[in-house]
Amino acid sequence: MPRYYFDLRDEKGIALDEEGLELASHRAVQAEAAKSVADMARDAVLSASPAGGRQTMSIDVRDDGGPVMQVTFSFEIENHKTRSRARDH
């Protein structure tokens, strides 16, 4: 069974997966990448500044032969209460 590596990329840089996972199909690789990017997104939204801003993150999947796929997620936090108060002043 092939081994796939899931490297995490965001604005801070890249964290290389040194261990990888043995997975039987590209569908299983895609499911694992989706799970990983969802976990990253949850953590990023929870730790994001209340002032907001756009963030992009991705999972770069590779095997021993090189790149296999990339799953990218972008989000932006718009704090409407902060924006409306700023307009009032």
C-alpha atoms as a PDB file:
ATOM      1  CA  MET A   1       0.000   0.000   0.000  1.00  0.00           C
ATOM      2  CA  PRO A   2       1.409   3.435  -0.910  1.00  0.00           C
ATOM      3  CA  ARG A   3       2.409   5.931   1.782  1.00  0.00           C
ATOM      4  CA  TYR A   4       1.116   9.502   1.499  1.00  0.00           C
ATOM      5  CA  TYR A   5       2.441  12.576   3.292  1.00  0.00           C
ATOM      6  CA  PHE A   6       0.181  15.479   4.278  1.00  0.00           C
ATOM      7  CA  ASP A   7       2.145  18.730   4.526  1.00  0.00           C
ATOM      8  CA  LEU A   8       0.310  21.611   6.229  1.00  0.00           C
ATOM      9  CA  ARG A   9       0.715  25.072   4.677  1.00  0.00           C
ATOM     10  CA  ASP A  10      -0.521  28.445   5.956  1.00  0.00           C
ATOM     11  CA  GLU A  11       0.709  32.047   6.170  1.00  0.00           C
ATOM     12  CA  LYS A  12       3.241  31.024   8.817  1.00  0.00           C
ATOM     13  CA  GLY A  13       4.945  28.478   6.554  1.00  0.00           C
ATOM     14  CA  ILE A  14       4.858  24.756   5.959  1.00  0.00           C
ATOM     15  CA  ALA A  15       4.941  21.839   8.373  1.00  0.00           C
ATOM     16  CA  LEU A  16       6.243  18.717   6.653  1.00  0.00           C
ATOM     17  CA  ASP A  17       4.684  15.369   7.447  1.00  0.00           C
ATOM     18  CA  GLU A  18       7.613  13.049   8.183  1.00  0.00           C
ATOM     19  CA  GLU A  19       5.549   9.920   8.971  1.00  0.00           C
ATOM     20  CA  GLY A  20       2.771   9.777   6.390  1.00  0.00           C
ATOM     21  CA  LEU A  21      -0.098   7.326   6.181  1.00  0.00           C
ATOM     22  CA  GLU A  22      -0.578   4.176   4.175  1.00  0.00           C
ATOM     23  CA  LEU A  23      -3.816   4.530   2.215  1.00  0.00           C
ATOM     24  CA  ALA A  24      -5.374   2.213  -0.357  1.00  0.00           C
ATOM     25  CA  SER A  25      -6.959   4.678  -2.797  1.00  0.00           C
ATOM     26  CA  HIS A  26      -6.989   8.269  -4.016  1.00  0.00           C
ATOM     27  CA  ARG A  27     -10.474   8.573  -2.527  1.00  0.00           C
ATOM     28  CA  ALA A  28      -9.036   7.707   0.905  1.00  0.00           C
ATOM     29  CA  VAL A  29      -6.241  10.264   0.342  1.00  0.00           C
ATOM     30  CA  GLN A  30      -8.817  12.933  -0.549  1.00  0.00           C
ATOM     31  CA  ALA A  31     -10.894  12.101   2.543  1.00  0.00           C
ATOM     32  CA  GLU A  32      -7.837  12.365   4.807  1.00  0.00           C
ATOM     33  CA  ALA A  33      -6.812  15.683   3.210  1.00  0.00           C
ATOM     34  CA  ALA A  34     -10.344  17.056   3.709  1.00  0.00           C
ATOM     35  CA  LYS A  35     -10.305  16.011   7.370  1.00  0.00           C
ATOM     36  CA  SER A  36      -6.907  17.641   7.893  1.00  0.00           C
ATOM     37  CA  VAL A  37      -7.871  20.955   6.250  1.00  0.00           C
ATOM     38  CA  ALA A  38     -11.129  21.010   8.255  1.00  0.00           C
ATOM     39  CA  ASP A  39      -9.145  20.629  11.484  1.00  0.00           C
ATOM     40  CA  MET A  40      -6.766  23.419  10.404  1.00  0.00           C
ATOM     41  CA  ALA A  41      -9.682  25.690   9.475  1.00  0.00           C
ATOM     42  CA  ARG A  42     -11.422  25.165  12.818  1.00  0.00           C
ATOM     43  CA  ASP A  43      -8.247  26.001  14.743  1.00  0.00           C
ATOM     44  CA  ALA A  44      -7.525  29.044  12.540  1.00  0.00           C
ATOM     45  CA  VAL A  45     -11.025  30.498  12.928  1.00  0.00           C
ATOM     46  CA  LEU A  46     -10.942  30.004  16.701  1.00  0.00           C
ATOM     47  CA  SER A  47      -7.546  31.705  17.030  1.00  0.00           C
ATOM     48  CA  ALA A  48      -8.140  34.463  14.452  1.00  0.00           C
ATOM     49  CA  SER A  49      -8.100  38.101  15.456  1.00  0.00           C
ATOM     50  CA  PRO A  50     -11.538  39.628  16.085  1.00  0.00           C
ATOM     51  CA  ALA A  51     -10.536  42.328  13.608  1.00  0.00           C
ATOM     52  CA  GLY A  52     -10.769  39.660  10.931  1.00  0.00           C
ATOM     53  CA  GLY A  53      -8.795  39.296   7.780  1.00  0.00           C
ATOM     54  CA  ARG A  54      -8.436  36.745   5.041  1.00  0.00           C
ATOM     55  CA  GLN A  55      -6.558  33.504   5.638  1.00  0.00           C
ATOM     56  CA  THR A  56      -5.629  30.708   3.285  1.00  0.00           C
ATOM     57  CA  MET A  57      -4.346  27.278   4.201  1.00  0.00           C
ATOM     58  CA  SER A  58      -3.726  24.071   2.335  1.00  0.00           C
ATOM     59  CA  ILE A  59      -2.794  20.443   2.615  1.00  0.00           C
ATOM     60  CA  ASP A  60      -0.157  19.428   0.094  1.00  0.00           C
ATOM     61  CA  VAL A  61      -0.288  15.672  -0.412  1.00  0.00           C
ATOM     62  CA  ARG A  62       2.714  13.821  -1.777  1.00  0.00           C
ATOM     63  CA  ASP A  63       3.911  10.284  -2.135  1.00  0.00           C
ATOM     64  CA  ASP A  64       7.393   8.917  -2.813  1.00  0.00           C
ATOM     65  CA  GLY A  65       7.020  10.017  -6.446  1.00  0.00           C
ATOM     66  CA  GLY A  66       6.142  13.645  -5.682  1.00  0.00           C
ATOM     67  CA  PRO A  67       2.988  15.804  -5.470  1.00  0.00           C
ATOM     68  CA  VAL A  68      -0.378  14.022  -5.590  1.00  0.00           C
ATOM     69  CA  MET A  69      -2.956  16.723  -4.739  1.00  0.00           C
ATOM     70  CA  GLN A  70      -3.503  19.995  -2.915  1.00  0.00           C
ATOM     71  CA  VAL A  71      -6.600  20.886  -0.916  1.00  0.00           C
ATOM     72  CA  THR A  72      -6.916  24.622  -0.257  1.00  0.00           C
ATOM     73  CA  PHE A  73      -9.263  26.463   2.081  1.00  0.00           C
ATOM     74  CA  SER A  74      -9.691  30.246   2.382  1.00  0.00           C
ATOM     75  CA  PHE A  75     -11.841  32.235   4.768  1.00  0.00           C
ATOM     76  CA  GLU A  76     -12.374  35.782   5.871  1.00  0.00           C
ATOM     77  CA  ILE A  77     -13.840  37.011   9.129  1.00  0.00           C
ATOM     78  CA  GLU A  78     -15.969  40.146   8.920  1.00  0.00           C
ATOM     79  CA  ASN A  79     -16.904  41.549  12.286  1.00  0.00           C
ATOM     80  CA  HIS A  80     -20.033  43.594  11.517  1.00  0.00           C
ATOM     81  CA  LYS A  81     -20.402  45.127  14.968  1.00  0.00           C
ATOM     82  CA  THR A  82     -16.859  46.472  14.900  1.00  0.00           C
ATOM     83  CA  ARG A  83     -17.343  47.845  11.387  1.00  0.00           C
ATOM     84  CA  SER A  84     -20.618  49.597  12.212  1.00  0.00           C
ATOM     85  CA  ARG A  85     -19.172  51.197  15.361  1.00  0.00           C
ATOM     86  CA  ALA A  86     -16.180  52.471  13.412  1.00  0.00           C
ATOM     87  CA  ARG A  87     -18.498  54.153  10.893  1.00  0.00           C
ATOM     88  CA  ASP A  88     -20.394  55.907  13.712  1.00  0.00           C
ATOM     89  CA  HIS A  89     -17.248  57.665  14.934  1.00  0.00           C
END
